[in-house]
């Protein structure tokens, strides 16, 4: 899918359609969209230069579409956030922490398992494309550990996607058994000898590996734990959804050559907006 100049716009189309469908379905009064701008410049790269070093850079034909996606989100009336020092996950975590202080519940729209660590009672994890919605209580059943333990789980097993080393010999099943007995890394390492009594194959070997790679595990958790303390200078209107700018959306969609389908969607969003804005 390309525009009149032969530039790819497939990601813009998919993003725009998804975002419109989400807004039509949920009619949120408050929402935040986080973009990644720190794939090689985040604070994690500062403490661990090899962080995500195994990932191929985003192709130019995709990178060029990111700014258009941002423009679409802004034209839809949605608050957009990005940072060169923090990743989108950290932005989402910080927004959720701020919202929680005001007694708000959050719905995390994502396919990224790492974000499940942000859930607290009342929150929801929504894999929109996979049509899977999990409440706080359902995370353990699906992922094997409680939301608060996901960063510890990834620290033990490692995360090959982000090039994070874990404890050698500790796989997902072993990590699940360890975290079923111990609440977190601190509790585990405070009583490491108890691991010998767990029904874990090669328990003695696991104890030895854990002991030898203690620093690795705690360092990995600094990378796997989402930062929720960004200073985003938020106020009561920072996450308030605004009315869509249909003229701006028409211009973006027209330049991309999308035809009338998405412009019609934009008008439906404008029609429904007054009711959405009245939600608490």
Protein backbone atom coordinates (compact mmCIF):
# COMPACT_ATOMS: atom_id res chain seq x y z
CA UNK A 1 0.00 0.00 0.00
CA UNK A 2 1.61 3.25 -1.12
CA UNK A 3 0.61 6.89 -1.51
CA UNK A 4 0.70 8.92 -4.72
CA UNK A 5 4.46 9.37 -4.38
CA UNK A 6 5.11 5.67 -4.02
CA UNK A 7 5.80 5.92 -0.27
CA UNK A 8 4.54 3.03 1.91
CA UNK A 9 1.49 3.87 4.06
CA UNK A 10 0.37 0.40 5.14
CA UNK A 11 1.30 0.98 8.80
CA UNK A 12 -0.56 4.30 8.83
CA UNK A 13 -3.66 2.61 7.43
CA UNK A 14 -3.55 -0.22 9.95
CA UNK A 15 -2.91 2.13 12.87
CA UNK A 16 -5.68 4.54 11.82
CA UNK A 17 -8.25 1.81 11.33
CA UNK A 18 -7.37 0.15 14.64
CA UNK A 19 -7.50 3.41 16.57
CA UNK A 20 -10.84 4.35 15.05
CA UNK A 21 -12.30 0.94 15.87
CA UNK A 22 -11.03 1.17 19.44
CA UNK A 23 -12.57 4.61 19.97
CA UNK A 24 -15.89 3.60 18.44
CA UNK A 25 -16.07 0.49 20.60
CA UNK A 26 -14.93 1.89 23.95
CA UNK A 27 -15.88 5.58 23.67
CA UNK A 28 -13.22 6.57 26.22
CA UNK A 29 -13.21 10.02 27.76
CA UNK A 30 -9.59 9.56 28.86
CA UNK A 31 -6.82 7.91 26.87
CA UNK A 32 -3.09 8.14 26.20
CA UNK A 33 -1.06 6.98 23.19
CA UNK A 34 2.64 6.22 23.75
CA UNK A 35 5.22 6.14 20.96
CA UNK A 36 8.76 4.78 21.15
CA UNK A 37 11.54 7.21 20.34
CA UNK A 38 14.20 5.71 22.60
CA UNK A 39 15.03 2.39 20.96
CA UNK A 40 18.75 3.16 21.23
CA UNK A 41 18.84 6.06 23.67
CA UNK A 42 16.84 4.97 26.72
CA UNK A 43 18.21 4.90 30.26
CA UNK A 44 18.48 1.11 29.85
CA UNK A 45 21.01 1.59 27.06
CA UNK A 46 23.01 3.80 29.42
CA UNK A 47 23.36 1.06 32.02
CA UNK A 48 23.53 -1.82 29.51
CA UNK A 49 24.77 -0.84 26.03
CA UNK A 50 23.84 -4.28 24.63
CA UNK A 51 20.19 -3.76 25.49
CA UNK A 52 18.16 -4.66 22.37
CA UNK A 53 21.41 -4.78 20.40
CA UNK A 54 20.21 -7.95 18.65
CA UNK A 55 17.24 -6.14 17.10
CA UNK A 56 17.36 -4.99 13.53
CA UNK A 57 16.71 -1.25 13.18
CA UNK A 58 13.25 -0.35 11.97
CA UNK A 59 13.25 -0.14 8.18
CA UNK A 60 13.11 3.37 6.75
CA UNK A 61 9.78 2.70 5.06
CA UNK A 62 8.32 2.05 8.53
CA UNK A 63 10.13 4.84 10.40
CA UNK A 64 8.83 7.39 7.91
CA UNK A 65 5.28 6.40 8.83
CA UNK A 66 5.64 6.92 12.57
CA UNK A 67 5.30 10.70 12.36
CA UNK A 68 2.15 10.30 10.24
CA UNK A 69 0.71 7.92 12.84
CA UNK A 70 1.35 10.55 15.50
CA UNK A 71 -0.39 13.15 13.38
CA UNK A 72 -3.38 10.82 13.02
CA UNK A 73 -3.61 10.32 16.79
CA UNK A 74 -3.42 14.08 17.43
CA UNK A 75 -6.05 14.78 14.77
CA UNK A 76 -8.29 12.20 16.44
CA UNK A 77 -8.07 14.34 19.58
CA UNK A 78 -5.88 11.94 21.56
CA UNK A 79 -3.04 12.85 23.95
CA UNK A 80 0.27 11.62 22.52
CA UNK A 81 3.41 10.96 24.57
CA UNK A 82 7.00 10.07 23.65
CA UNK A 83 10.48 10.37 25.15
CA UNK A 84 14.07 9.96 24.03
CA UNK A 85 15.06 8.61 27.46
CA UNK A 86 12.13 6.39 28.34
CA UNK A 87 10.39 3.71 26.32
CA UNK A 88 6.68 3.62 25.52
CA UNK A 89 6.25 0.99 28.26
CA UNK A 90 7.63 3.41 30.84
CA UNK A 91 5.34 6.18 29.61
CA UNK A 92 2.34 3.88 29.91
CA UNK A 93 3.45 2.74 33.37
CA UNK A 94 3.87 6.31 34.56
CA UNK A 95 0.50 7.36 33.15
CA UNK A 96 -1.17 4.41 34.87
CA UNK A 97 0.54 5.19 38.20
CA UNK A 98 -0.59 8.81 37.98
CA UNK A 99 -4.12 7.76 37.08
CA UNK A 100 -4.22 5.20 39.89
CA UNK A 101 -3.38 7.92 42.43
CA UNK A 102 -6.64 9.53 41.34
CA UNK A 103 -8.58 6.31 41.90
CA UNK A 104 -8.74 5.53 38.19
CA UNK A 105 -8.55 2.06 36.61
CA UNK A 106 -6.54 1.42 33.48
CA UNK A 107 -7.04 -0.71 30.40
CA UNK A 108 -3.71 -1.50 28.73
CA UNK A 109 -4.25 -2.06 25.00
CA UNK A 110 -1.22 -4.06 23.89
CA UNK A 111 0.12 -7.40 22.73
CA UNK A 112 3.27 -7.01 24.85
CA UNK A 113 3.36 -9.41 27.80
CA UNK A 114 5.80 -7.13 29.65
CA UNK A 115 3.03 -4.58 30.18
CA UNK A 116 1.00 -7.11 32.15
CA UNK A 117 3.29 -6.27 35.10
CA UNK A 118 1.47 -2.93 35.39
CA UNK A 119 -1.92 -4.41 36.24
CA UNK A 120 -3.42 -3.94 39.66
CA UNK A 121 -6.87 -5.01 40.88
CA UNK A 122 -9.51 -3.36 38.71
CA UNK A 123 -7.20 -2.97 35.69
CA UNK A 124 -7.39 -4.90 32.44
CA UNK A 125 -4.95 -6.18 29.82
CA UNK A 126 -6.45 -6.10 26.33
CA UNK A 127 -4.86 -7.80 23.35
CA UNK A 128 -7.12 -6.05 20.84
CA UNK A 129 -5.90 -7.92 17.77
CA UNK A 130 -5.98 -11.28 19.55
CA UNK A 131 -9.39 -10.57 21.07
CA UNK A 132 -8.15 -11.46 24.54
CA UNK A 133 -9.05 -9.44 27.64
CA UNK A 134 -7.54 -10.39 30.98
CA UNK A 135 -8.41 -9.01 34.39
CA UNK A 136 -5.76 -8.69 37.09
CA UNK A 137 -6.71 -12.10 38.47
CA UNK A 138 -6.39 -13.75 35.05
CA UNK A 139 -2.74 -12.82 34.46
CA UNK A 140 -1.35 -15.61 36.63
CA UNK A 141 -3.54 -18.21 34.96
CA UNK A 142 -2.40 -17.10 31.52
CA UNK A 143 1.25 -16.15 32.12
CA UNK A 144 2.05 -18.34 35.13
CA UNK A 145 2.93 -15.56 37.59
CA UNK A 146 1.21 -12.61 39.21
CA UNK A 147 1.50 -9.22 37.47
CA UNK A 148 3.85 -7.93 40.17
CA UNK A 149 6.19 -10.88 39.47
CA UNK A 150 6.58 -10.54 35.71
CA UNK A 151 9.72 -8.37 35.96
CA UNK A 152 11.24 -10.96 38.34
CA UNK A 153 10.18 -13.78 36.02
CA UNK A 154 11.92 -12.15 33.05
CA UNK A 155 14.98 -11.41 35.17
CA UNK A 156 15.29 -15.11 36.02
CA UNK A 157 14.60 -16.51 32.55
CA UNK A 158 16.17 -13.69 30.55
CA UNK A 159 14.48 -11.99 27.63
CA UNK A 160 16.03 -12.83 24.26
CA UNK A 161 13.84 -10.27 22.50
CA UNK A 162 15.52 -7.46 24.45
CA UNK A 163 18.91 -9.21 24.69
CA UNK A 164 18.70 -9.54 28.48
CA UNK A 165 20.58 -12.40 30.10
CA UNK A 166 18.90 -14.34 32.89
CA UNK A 167 20.11 -17.13 35.18
CA UNK A 168 21.50 -20.04 33.13
CA UNK A 169 19.36 -23.14 33.43
CA UNK A 170 16.28 -21.31 34.72
CA UNK A 171 13.51 -21.64 32.18
CA UNK A 172 9.90 -20.55 32.29
CA UNK A 173 8.58 -23.54 34.23
CA UNK A 174 11.35 -23.33 36.84
CA UNK A 175 10.83 -19.59 37.24
CA UNK A 176 7.09 -20.14 37.72
CA UNK A 177 7.75 -22.68 40.48
CA UNK A 178 10.25 -20.39 42.19
CA UNK A 179 7.86 -17.44 42.12
CA UNK A 180 4.98 -19.60 43.33
CA UNK A 181 7.03 -20.10 46.51
CA UNK A 182 8.80 -16.74 46.74
CA UNK A 183 7.14 -13.37 46.16
CA UNK A 184 10.12 -11.79 44.41
CA UNK A 185 13.89 -11.94 43.94
CA UNK A 186 14.53 -10.50 47.40
CA UNK A 187 12.51 -13.26 49.08
CA UNK A 188 14.13 -15.91 46.89
CA UNK A 189 17.68 -14.86 47.66
CA UNK A 190 16.92 -14.34 51.34
CA UNK A 191 16.23 -18.06 51.70
CA UNK A 192 17.92 -19.73 48.75
CA UNK A 193 18.41 -23.06 50.54
CA UNK A 194 14.64 -23.62 50.53
CA UNK A 195 14.84 -24.14 46.77
CA UNK A 196 16.42 -27.56 47.42
CA UNK A 197 13.13 -28.74 48.92
CA UNK A 198 10.98 -27.68 45.97
CA UNK A 199 9.76 -30.12 43.32
CA UNK A 200 12.16 -28.76 40.72
CA UNK A 201 14.25 -31.07 38.60
CA UNK A 202 17.94 -30.53 39.39
CA UNK A 203 17.13 -28.32 42.37
CA UNK A 204 20.71 -28.42 43.67
CA UNK A 205 22.02 -27.29 40.31
CA UNK A 206 19.44 -24.50 40.20
CA UNK A 207 20.52 -23.29 43.66
CA UNK A 208 24.13 -23.19 42.49
CA UNK A 209 23.22 -21.28 39.34
CA UNK A 210 21.09 -18.81 41.26
CA UNK A 211 23.87 -18.22 43.76
CA UNK A 212 26.52 -17.72 41.10
CA UNK A 213 24.36 -15.39 39.03
CA UNK A 214 22.79 -13.32 41.79
CA UNK A 215 24.12 -10.05 40.39
CA UNK A 216 22.95 -11.00 36.91
CA UNK A 217 19.39 -11.57 38.14
CA UNK A 218 19.12 -8.29 40.02
CA UNK A 219 20.75 -6.37 37.19
CA UNK A 220 18.36 -7.95 34.69
CA UNK A 221 15.41 -6.83 36.77
CA UNK A 222 16.59 -3.23 36.47
CA UNK A 223 16.02 -3.71 32.75
CA UNK A 224 12.81 -5.75 32.83
CA UNK A 225 10.99 -3.61 35.39
CA UNK A 226 8.92 -0.85 33.80
CA UNK A 227 9.65 2.62 35.17
CA UNK A 228 6.51 4.20 36.59
CA UNK A 229 7.99 7.40 37.98
CA UNK A 230 8.49 9.62 34.93
CA UNK A 231 7.85 13.32 35.46
CA UNK A 232 5.25 13.91 32.76
CA UNK A 233 3.95 17.21 34.17
CA UNK A 234 0.36 16.00 34.01
CA UNK A 235 -2.78 17.82 35.02
CA UNK A 236 -6.47 16.95 35.12
CA UNK A 237 -6.82 17.49 31.37
CA UNK A 238 -3.66 15.68 30.23
CA UNK A 239 -5.48 12.45 29.36
CA UNK A 240 -8.75 14.05 28.31
CA UNK A 241 -9.87 13.06 24.85
CA UNK A 242 -10.72 15.98 22.55
CA UNK A 243 -13.03 16.21 19.58
CA UNK A 244 -11.51 14.82 16.36
CA UNK A 245 -10.38 17.28 13.71
CA UNK A 246 -12.10 15.76 10.69
CA UNK A 247 -10.55 18.29 8.28
CA UNK A 248 -7.05 17.34 9.43
CA UNK A 249 -7.87 13.63 9.18
CA UNK A 250 -9.34 14.12 5.69
CA UNK A 251 -6.10 15.83 4.64
CA UNK A 252 -3.91 13.03 6.02
CA UNK A 253 -6.06 10.27 4.57
CA UNK A 254 -6.37 12.06 1.24
CA UNK A 255 -2.62 12.51 0.88
CA UNK A 256 -2.14 8.84 1.72
CA UNK A 257 -4.74 7.85 -0.88
CA UNK A 258 -6.94 5.90 1.52
CA UNK A 259 -10.22 6.76 -0.12
CA UNK A 260 -13.43 7.43 1.79
CA UNK A 261 -13.56 4.54 4.29
CA UNK A 262 -11.38 6.11 6.99
CA UNK A 263 -12.82 9.59 6.44
CA UNK A 264 -16.27 8.12 7.05
CA UNK A 265 -14.95 6.52 10.21
CA UNK A 266 -13.63 9.93 11.33
CA UNK A 267 -17.08 11.44 10.94
CA UNK A 268 -18.65 8.68 12.99
CA UNK A 269 -16.11 9.43 15.71
CA UNK A 270 -17.05 13.10 15.59
CA UNK A 271 -20.74 12.22 15.87
CA UNK A 272 -20.20 10.01 18.91
CA UNK A 273 -17.74 12.34 20.63
CA UNK A 274 -20.18 14.40 22.74
CA UNK A 275 -21.44 11.26 24.51
CA UNK A 276 -17.89 9.97 25.02
CA UNK A 277 -16.73 13.29 26.48
CA UNK A 278 -19.40 13.10 29.18
CA UNK A 279 -17.99 9.88 30.64
CA UNK A 280 -16.14 10.22 33.98
